Amino acid sequence: MLSMALRKTGRSILLSLSPGAAPVEKIDEMRVYAQMWRISDDVWDLWHSTVDYPQGLGDQFSRSPSGRCFRARPLA
């Protein structure tokens, strides 16, 4: 697993997951393996979109976890 390989280097390396919007129900699992993850899909230079892709900045608010804050564990 990538997170284990990074730990074996003995250096502080931040692992950021970018699979699109992070599944909030998997927050505990993400905290084990990464220090950072995305909270939205790709954002393009428009406010609203009428199609699924690309999405605009304004389209992300309804898809985010309502102002909830999720923190990863600190780097060792």
PDB file of N, CA and C in Angstrom:
ATOM      1  N   MET A   1       0.843  -1.169   0.000  1.00  0.00           N
ATOM      2  CA  MET A   1       0.000   0.000   0.000  1.00  0.00           C
ATOM      3  C   MET A   1       0.897   1.243   0.000  1.00  0.00           C
ATOM      4  N   LEU A   2       0.483   2.257  -0.718  1.00  0.00           N
ATOM      5  CA  LEU A   2       1.264   3.476  -0.869  1.00  0.00           C
ATOM      6  C   LEU A   2       1.560   4.157   0.461  1.00  0.00           C
ATOM      7  N   SER A   3       0.587   4.241   1.344  1.00  0.00           N
ATOM      8  CA  SER A   3       0.806   4.921   2.630  1.00  0.00           C
ATOM      9  C   SER A   3       1.889   4.215   3.450  1.00  0.00           C
ATOM     10  N   MET A   4       1.939   2.878   3.392  1.00  0.00           N
ATOM     11  CA  MET A   4       2.965   2.138   4.133  1.00  0.00           C
ATOM     12  C   MET A   4       4.345   2.382   3.541  1.00  0.00           C
ATOM     13  N   ALA A   5       4.436   2.419   2.229  1.00  0.00           N
ATOM     14  CA  ALA A   5       5.720   2.678   1.572  1.00  0.00           C
ATOM     15  C   ALA A   5       6.241   4.072   1.921  1.00  0.00           C
ATOM     16  N   LEU A   6       5.368   5.051   1.978  1.00  0.00           N
ATOM     17  CA  LEU A   6       5.787   6.405   2.333  1.00  0.00           C
ATOM     18  C   LEU A   6       6.282   6.461   3.772  1.00  0.00           C
ATOM     19  N   ARG A   7       5.624   5.749   4.673  1.00  0.00           N
ATOM     20  CA  ARG A   7       6.063   5.726   6.084  1.00  0.00           C
ATOM     21  C   ARG A   7       7.453   5.105   6.222  1.00  0.00           C
ATOM     22  N   LYS A   8       7.753   4.093   5.412  1.00  0.00           N
ATOM     23  CA  LYS A   8       9.047   3.404   5.485  1.00  0.00           C
ATOM     24  C   LYS A   8      10.216   4.290   5.082  1.00  0.00           C
ATOM     25  N   THR A   9       9.965   5.389   4.405  1.00  0.00           N
ATOM     26  CA  THR A   9      11.066   6.270   3.997  1.00  0.00           C
ATOM     27  C   THR A   9      11.679   6.983   5.191  1.00  0.00           C
ATOM     28  N   GLY A  10      10.924   7.091   6.295  1.00  0.00           N
ATOM     29  CA  GLY A  10      11.422   7.794   7.463  1.00  0.00           C
ATOM     30  C   GLY A  10      11.329   9.308   7.342  1.00  0.00           C
ATOM     31  N   ARG A  11      10.735   9.784   6.278  1.00  0.00           N
ATOM     32  CA  ARG A  11      10.579  11.223   6.047  1.00  0.00           C
ATOM     33  C   ARG A  11       9.105  11.591   6.163  1.00  0.00           C
ATOM     34  N   SER A  12       8.838  12.833   6.511  1.00  0.00           N
ATOM     35  CA  SER A  12       7.453  13.318   6.557  1.00  0.00           C
ATOM     36  C   SER A  12       6.997  13.637   5.138  1.00  0.00           C
ATOM     37  N   ILE A  13       6.170  12.785   4.596  1.00  0.00           N
ATOM     38  CA  ILE A  13       5.635  12.969   3.245  1.00  0.00           C
ATOM     39  C   ILE A  13       4.123  12.979   3.353  1.00  0.00           C
ATOM     40  N   LEU A  14       3.496  14.017   2.850  1.00  0.00           N
ATOM     41  CA  LEU A  14       2.049  14.152   2.907  1.00  0.00           C
ATOM     42  C   LEU A  14       1.414  13.366   1.767  1.00  0.00           C
ATOM     43  N   LEU A  15       0.431  12.529   2.088  1.00  0.00           N
ATOM     44  CA  LEU A  15      -0.303  11.775   1.074  1.00  0.00           C
ATOM     45  C   LEU A  15      -1.669  12.413   0.896  1.00  0.00           C
ATOM     46  N   SER A  16      -1.943  12.878  -0.309  1.00  0.00           N
ATOM     47  CA  SER A  16      -3.214  13.514  -0.635  1.00  0.00           C
ATOM     48  C   SER A  16      -3.974  12.632  -1.614  1.00  0.00           C
ATOM     49  N   LEU A  17      -5.201  12.260  -1.251  1.00  0.00           N
ATOM     50  CA  LEU A  17      -6.038  11.437  -2.118  1.00  0.00           C
ATOM     51  C   LEU A  17      -6.872  12.331  -3.020  1.00  0.00           C
ATOM     52  N   SER A  18      -6.982  11.960  -4.284  1.00  0.00           N
ATOM     53  CA  SER A  18      -7.734  12.778  -5.224  1.00  0.00           C
ATOM     54  C   SER A  18      -8.611  11.932  -6.127  1.00  0.00           C
ATOM     55  N   PRO A  19      -9.556  11.189  -5.551  1.00  0.00           N
ATOM     56  CA  PRO A  19     -10.427  10.365  -6.379  1.00  0.00           C
ATOM     57  C   PRO A  19     -11.703  11.063  -6.813  1.00  0.00           C
ATOM     58  N   GLY A  20     -11.750  12.377  -6.706  1.00  0.00           N
ATOM     59  CA  GLY A  20     -12.999  13.120  -6.877  1.00  0.00           C
ATOM     60  C   GLY A  20     -13.495  13.463  -5.489  1.00  0.00           C
ATOM     61  N   ALA A  21     -14.751  13.704  -5.352  1.00  0.00           N
ATOM     62  CA  ALA A  21     -15.284  14.042  -4.022  1.00  0.00           C
ATOM     63  C   ALA A  21     -15.083  12.869  -3.063  1.00  0.00           C
ATOM     64  N   ALA A  22     -14.573  13.156  -1.870  1.00  0.00           N
ATOM     65  CA  ALA A  22     -14.311  12.107  -0.886  1.00  0.00           C
ATOM     66  C   ALA A  22     -15.612  11.576  -0.297  1.00  0.00           C
ATOM     67  N   PRO A  23     -15.728  10.258  -0.180  1.00  0.00           N
ATOM     68  CA  PRO A  23     -16.930   9.695   0.441  1.00  0.00           C
ATOM     69  C   PRO A  23     -16.886   9.916   1.951  1.00  0.00           C
ATOM     70  N   VAL A  24     -17.699  10.793   2.465  1.00  0.00           N
ATOM     71  CA  VAL A  24     -17.672  11.171   3.873  1.00  0.00           C
ATOM     72  C   VAL A  24     -17.882   9.960   4.783  1.00  0.00           C
ATOM     73  N   GLU A  25     -18.625   8.988   4.341  1.00  0.00           N
ATOM     74  CA  GLU A  25     -18.858   7.802   5.171  1.00  0.00           C
ATOM     75  C   GLU A  25     -17.582   6.974   5.360  1.00  0.00           C
ATOM     76  N   LYS A  26     -16.528   7.253   4.596  1.00  0.00           N
ATOM     77  CA  LYS A  26     -15.246   6.539   4.713  1.00  0.00           C
ATOM     78  C   LYS A  26     -14.196   7.380   5.427  1.00  0.00           C
ATOM     79  N   ILE A  27     -14.618   8.403   6.179  1.00  0.00           N
ATOM     80  CA  ILE A  27     -13.686   9.354   6.781  1.00  0.00           C
ATOM     81  C   ILE A  27     -12.669   8.679   7.698  1.00  0.00           C
ATOM     82  N   ASP A  28     -13.078   7.704   8.493  1.00  0.00           N
ATOM     83  CA  ASP A  28     -12.145   7.039   9.405  1.00  0.00           C
ATOM     84  C   ASP A  28     -11.062   6.280   8.640  1.00  0.00           C
ATOM     85  N   GLU A  29     -11.450   5.631   7.564  1.00  0.00           N
ATOM     86  CA  GLU A  29     -10.481   4.904   6.740  1.00  0.00           C
ATOM     87  C   GLU A  29      -9.513   5.871   6.055  1.00  0.00           C
ATOM     88  N   MET A  30     -10.019   6.986   5.544  1.00  0.00           N
ATOM     89  CA  MET A  30      -9.140   7.961   4.892  1.00  0.00           C
ATOM     90  C   MET A  30      -8.139   8.544   5.875  1.00  0.00           C
ATOM     91  N   ARG A  31      -8.553   8.759   7.111  1.00  0.00           N
ATOM     92  CA  ARG A  31      -7.644   9.307   8.135  1.00  0.00           C
ATOM     93  C   ARG A  31      -6.476   8.366   8.429  1.00  0.00           C
ATOM     94  N   VAL A  32      -6.684   7.073   8.288  1.00  0.00           N
ATOM     95  CA  VAL A  32      -5.628   6.103   8.545  1.00  0.00           C
ATOM     96  C   VAL A  32      -4.539   6.189   7.473  1.00  0.00           C
ATOM     97  N   TYR A  33      -4.945   6.396   6.227  1.00  0.00           N
ATOM     98  CA  TYR A  33      -4.006   6.282   5.113  1.00  0.00           C
ATOM     99  C   TYR A  33      -3.528   7.598   4.508  1.00  0.00           C
ATOM    100  N   ALA A  34      -4.207   8.700   4.773  1.00  0.00           N
ATOM    101  CA  ALA A  34      -3.828   9.951   4.105  1.00  0.00           C
ATOM    102  C   ALA A  34      -3.951  11.131   5.061  1.00  0.00           C
ATOM    103  N   GLN A  35      -3.282  12.223   4.721  1.00  0.00           N
ATOM    104  CA  GLN A  35      -3.347  13.431   5.517  1.00  0.00           C
ATOM    105  C   GLN A  35      -4.228  14.492   4.860  1.00  0.00           C
ATOM    106  N   MET A  36      -4.595  14.288   3.624  1.00  0.00           N
ATOM    107  CA  MET A  36      -5.377  15.275   2.887  1.00  0.00           C
ATOM    108  C   MET A  36      -6.210  14.561   1.831  1.00  0.00           C
ATOM    109  N   TRP A  37      -7.408  15.083   1.550  1.00  0.00           N
ATOM    110  CA  TRP A  37      -8.242  14.510   0.494  1.00  0.00           C
ATOM    111  C   TRP A  37      -9.157  15.582  -0.050  1.00  0.00           C
ATOM    112  N   ARG A  38      -9.642  15.335  -1.249  1.00  0.00           N
ATOM    113  CA  ARG A  38     -10.531  16.293  -1.900  1.00  0.00           C
ATOM    114  C   ARG A  38     -11.912  16.260  -1.275  1.00  0.00           C
ATOM    115  N   ILE A  39     -12.553  17.407  -1.273  1.00  0.00           N
ATOM    116  CA  ILE A  39     -13.927  17.468  -0.762  1.00  0.00           C
ATOM    117  C   ILE A  39     -14.918  17.843  -1.854  1.00  0.00           C
ATOM    118  N   SER A  40     -14.435  17.959  -3.097  1.00  0.00           N
ATOM    119  CA  SER A  40     -15.332  18.283  -4.204  1.00  0.00           C
ATOM    120  C   SER A  40     -14.802  17.663  -5.486  1.00  0.00           C
ATOM    121  N   ASP A  41     -15.619  17.670  -6.494  1.00  0.00           N
ATOM    122  CA  ASP A  41     -15.185  17.241  -7.818  1.00  0.00           C
ATOM    123  C   ASP A  41     -14.361  18.353  -8.458  1.00  0.00           C
ATOM    124  N   ASP A  42     -13.923  18.142  -9.696  1.00  0.00           N
ATOM    125  CA  ASP A  42     -13.196  19.187 -10.421  1.00  0.00           C
ATOM    126  C   ASP A  42     -14.045  20.442 -10.511  1.00  0.00           C
ATOM    127  N   VAL A  43     -13.418  21.594 -10.371  1.00  0.00           N
ATOM    128  CA  VAL A  43     -14.114  22.872 -10.471  1.00  0.00           C
ATOM    129  C   VAL A  43     -13.570  23.610 -11.691  1.00  0.00           C
ATOM    130  N   TRP A  44     -14.464  24.084 -12.530  1.00  0.00           N
ATOM    131  CA  TRP A  44     -14.078  24.811 -13.725  1.00  0.00           C
ATOM    132  C   TRP A  44     -14.394  26.294 -13.551  1.00  0.00           C
ATOM    133  N   ASP A  45     -13.970  27.086 -14.498  1.00  0.00           N
ATOM    134  CA  ASP A  45     -14.115  28.547 -14.394  1.00  0.00           C
ATOM    135  C   ASP A  45     -15.504  29.022 -14.815  1.00  0.00           C
ATOM    136  N   LEU A  46     -16.505  28.519 -14.124  1.00  0.00           N
ATOM    137  CA  LEU A  46     -17.876  28.956 -14.297  1.00  0.00           C
ATOM    138  C   LEU A  46     -18.576  28.789 -12.962  1.00  0.00           C
ATOM    139  N   TRP A  47     -19.698  29.450 -12.777  1.00  0.00           N
ATOM    140  CA  TRP A  47     -20.387  29.380 -11.493  1.00  0.00           C
ATOM    141  C   TRP A  47     -21.336  28.192 -11.439  1.00  0.00           C
ATOM    142  N   HIS A  48     -22.196  28.046 -12.439  1.00  0.00           N
ATOM    143  CA  HIS A  48     -23.129  26.920 -12.495  1.00  0.00           C
ATOM    144  C   HIS A  48     -23.065  26.255 -13.855  1.00  0.00           C
ATOM    145  N   SER A  49     -23.343  24.974 -13.877  1.00  0.00           N
ATOM    146  CA  SER A  49     -23.340  24.204 -15.105  1.00  0.00           C
ATOM    147  C   SER A  49     -24.672  23.466 -15.227  1.00  0.00           C
ATOM    148  N   THR A  50     -25.108  23.236 -16.430  1.00  0.00           N
ATOM    149  CA  THR A  50     -26.352  22.496 -16.665  1.00  0.00           C
ATOM    150  C   THR A  50     -26.090  21.034 -17.009  1.00  0.00           C
ATOM    151  N   VAL A  51     -24.821  20.635 -16.993  1.00  0.00           N
ATOM    152  CA  VAL A  51     -24.439  19.252 -17.296  1.00  0.00           C
ATOM    153  C   VAL A  51     -23.663  18.676 -16.110  1.00  0.00           C
ATOM    154  N   ASP A  52     -23.511  17.345 -16.062  1.00  0.00           N
ATOM    155  CA  ASP A  52     -22.800  16.703 -14.954  1.00  0.00           C
ATOM    156  C   ASP A  52     -21.311  17.049 -14.923  1.00  0.00           C
ATOM    157  N   TYR A  53     -20.718  17.238 -16.100  1.00  0.00           N
ATOM    158  CA  TYR A  53     -19.287  17.565 -16.161  1.00  0.00           C
ATOM    159  C   TYR A  53     -19.066  18.512 -17.323  1.00  0.00           C
ATOM    160  N   PRO A  54     -18.394  19.595 -17.154  1.00  0.00           N
ATOM    161  CA  PRO A  54     -17.728  20.074 -15.945  1.00  0.00           C
ATOM    162  C   PRO A  54     -18.705  20.781 -15.012  1.00  0.00           C
ATOM    163  N   GLN A  55     -18.335  20.826 -13.752  1.00  0.00           N
ATOM    164  CA  GLN A  55     -19.126  21.511 -12.736  1.00  0.00           C
ATOM    165  C   GLN A  55     -18.495  22.859 -12.418  1.00  0.00           C
ATOM    166  N   GLY A  56     -19.321  23.813 -12.023  1.00  0.00           N
ATOM    167  CA  GLY A  56     -18.824  25.120 -11.622  1.00  0.00           C
ATOM    168  C   GLY A  56     -18.664  25.209 -10.114  1.00  0.00           C
ATOM    169  N   LEU A  57     -18.058  26.275  -9.656  1.00  0.00           N
ATOM    170  CA  LEU A  57     -17.831  26.464  -8.235  1.00  0.00           C
ATOM    171  C   LEU A  57     -19.138  26.449  -7.443  1.00  0.00           C
ATOM    172  N   GLY A  58     -20.149  27.160  -7.911  1.00  0.00           N
ATOM    173  CA  GLY A  58     -21.428  27.216  -7.202  1.00  0.00           C
ATOM    174  C   GLY A  58     -22.115  25.865  -7.104  1.00  0.00           C
ATOM    175  N   ASP A  59     -21.821  24.971  -8.037  1.00  0.00           N
ATOM    176  CA  ASP A  59     -22.419  23.634  -8.019  1.00  0.00           C
ATOM    177  C   ASP A  59     -21.858  22.757  -6.902  1.00  0.00           C
ATOM    178  N   GLN A  60     -20.698  23.099  -6.371  1.00  0.00           N
ATOM    179  CA  GLN A  60     -20.051  22.262  -5.359  1.00  0.00           C
ATOM    180  C   GLN A  60     -20.683  22.389  -3.979  1.00  0.00           C
ATOM    181  N   PHE A  61     -21.288  23.545  -3.672  1.00  0.00           N
ATOM    182  CA  PHE A  61     -21.826  23.756  -2.328  1.00  0.00           C
ATOM    183  C   PHE A  61     -22.902  22.742  -1.961  1.00  0.00           C
ATOM    184  N   SER A  62     -23.771  22.417  -2.885  1.00  0.00           N
ATOM    185  CA  SER A  62     -24.829  21.451  -2.587  1.00  0.00           C
ATOM    186  C   SER A  62     -24.284  20.029  -2.463  1.00  0.00           C
ATOM    187  N   ARG A  63     -23.078  19.795  -2.948  1.00  0.00           N
ATOM    188  CA  ARG A  63     -22.490  18.462  -2.913  1.00  0.00           C
ATOM    189  C   ARG A  63     -21.549  18.258  -1.736  1.00  0.00           C
ATOM    190  N   SER A  64     -21.198  19.333  -1.035  1.00  0.00           N
ATOM    191  CA  SER A  64     -20.250  19.230   0.066  1.00  0.00           C
ATOM    192  C   SER A  64     -20.975  18.834   1.349  1.00  0.00           C
ATOM    193  N   PRO A  65     -20.225  18.379   2.346  1.00  0.00           N
ATOM    194  CA  PRO A  65     -20.850  17.906   3.594  1.00  0.00           C
ATOM    195  C   PRO A  65     -21.313  19.034   4.525  1.00  0.00           C
ATOM    196  N   SER A  66     -22.029  20.000   4.025  1.00  0.00           N
ATOM    197  CA  SER A  66     -22.712  21.040   4.810  1.00  0.00           C
ATOM    198  C   SER A  66     -21.871  21.719   5.883  1.00  0.00           C
ATOM    199  N   GLY A  67     -20.703  22.167   5.518  1.00  0.00           N
ATOM    200  CA  GLY A  67     -19.880  22.915   6.457  1.00  0.00           C
ATOM    201  C   GLY A  67     -19.218  22.081   7.529  1.00  0.00           C
ATOM    202  N   ARG A  68     -19.345  20.764   7.447  1.00  0.00           N
ATOM    203  CA  ARG A  68     -18.678  19.910   8.438  1.00  0.00           C
ATOM    204  C   ARG A  68     -17.178  19.954   8.194  1.00  0.00           C
ATOM    205  N   CYS A  69     -16.422  19.878   9.237  1.00  0.00           N
ATOM    206  CA  CYS A  69     -14.967  19.932   9.149  1.00  0.00           C
ATOM    207  C   CYS A  69     -14.399  18.554   9.452  1.00  0.00           C
ATOM    208  N   PHE A  70     -13.561  18.055   8.573  1.00  0.00           N
ATOM    209  CA  PHE A  70     -12.930  16.760   8.769  1.00  0.00           C
ATOM    210  C   PHE A  70     -11.425  16.972   8.792  1.00  0.00           C
ATOM    211  N   ARG A  71     -10.791  16.498   9.853  1.00  0.00           N
ATOM    212  CA  ARG A  71      -9.358  16.690   9.992  1.00  0.00           C
ATOM    213  C   ARG A  71      -8.657  15.358   9.966  1.00  0.00           C
ATOM    214  N   ALA A  72      -7.511  15.341   9.304  1.00  0.00           N
ATOM    215  CA  ALA A  72      -6.676  14.140   9.269  1.00  0.00           C
ATOM    216  C   ALA A  72      -5.795  14.110  10.498  1.00  0.00           C
ATOM    217  N   ARG A  73      -5.114  13.014  10.702  1.00  0.00           N
ATOM    218  CA  ARG A  73      -4.161  12.944  11.802  1.00  0.00           C
ATOM    219  C   ARG A  73      -2.918  13.749  11.424  1.00  0.00           C
ATOM    220  N   PRO A  74      -2.171  14.285  12.383  1.00  0.00           N
ATOM    221  CA  PRO A  74      -0.983  15.067  12.055  1.00  0.00           C
ATOM    222  C   PRO A  74       0.126  14.164  11.501  1.00  0.00           C
ATOM    223  N   LEU A  75       1.006  14.752  10.702  1.00  0.00           N
ATOM    224  CA  LEU A  75       2.162  14.004  10.195  1.00  0.00           C
ATOM    225  C   LEU A  75       3.060  13.617  11.364  1.00  0.00           C
ATOM    226  N   ALA A  76       3.610  12.436  11.300  1.00  0.00           N
ATOM    227  CA  ALA A  76       4.513  11.968  12.372  1.00  0.00           C
ATOM    228  C   ALA A  76       5.876  12.612  12.243  1.00  0.00           C
TER     229      ALA A  76
END
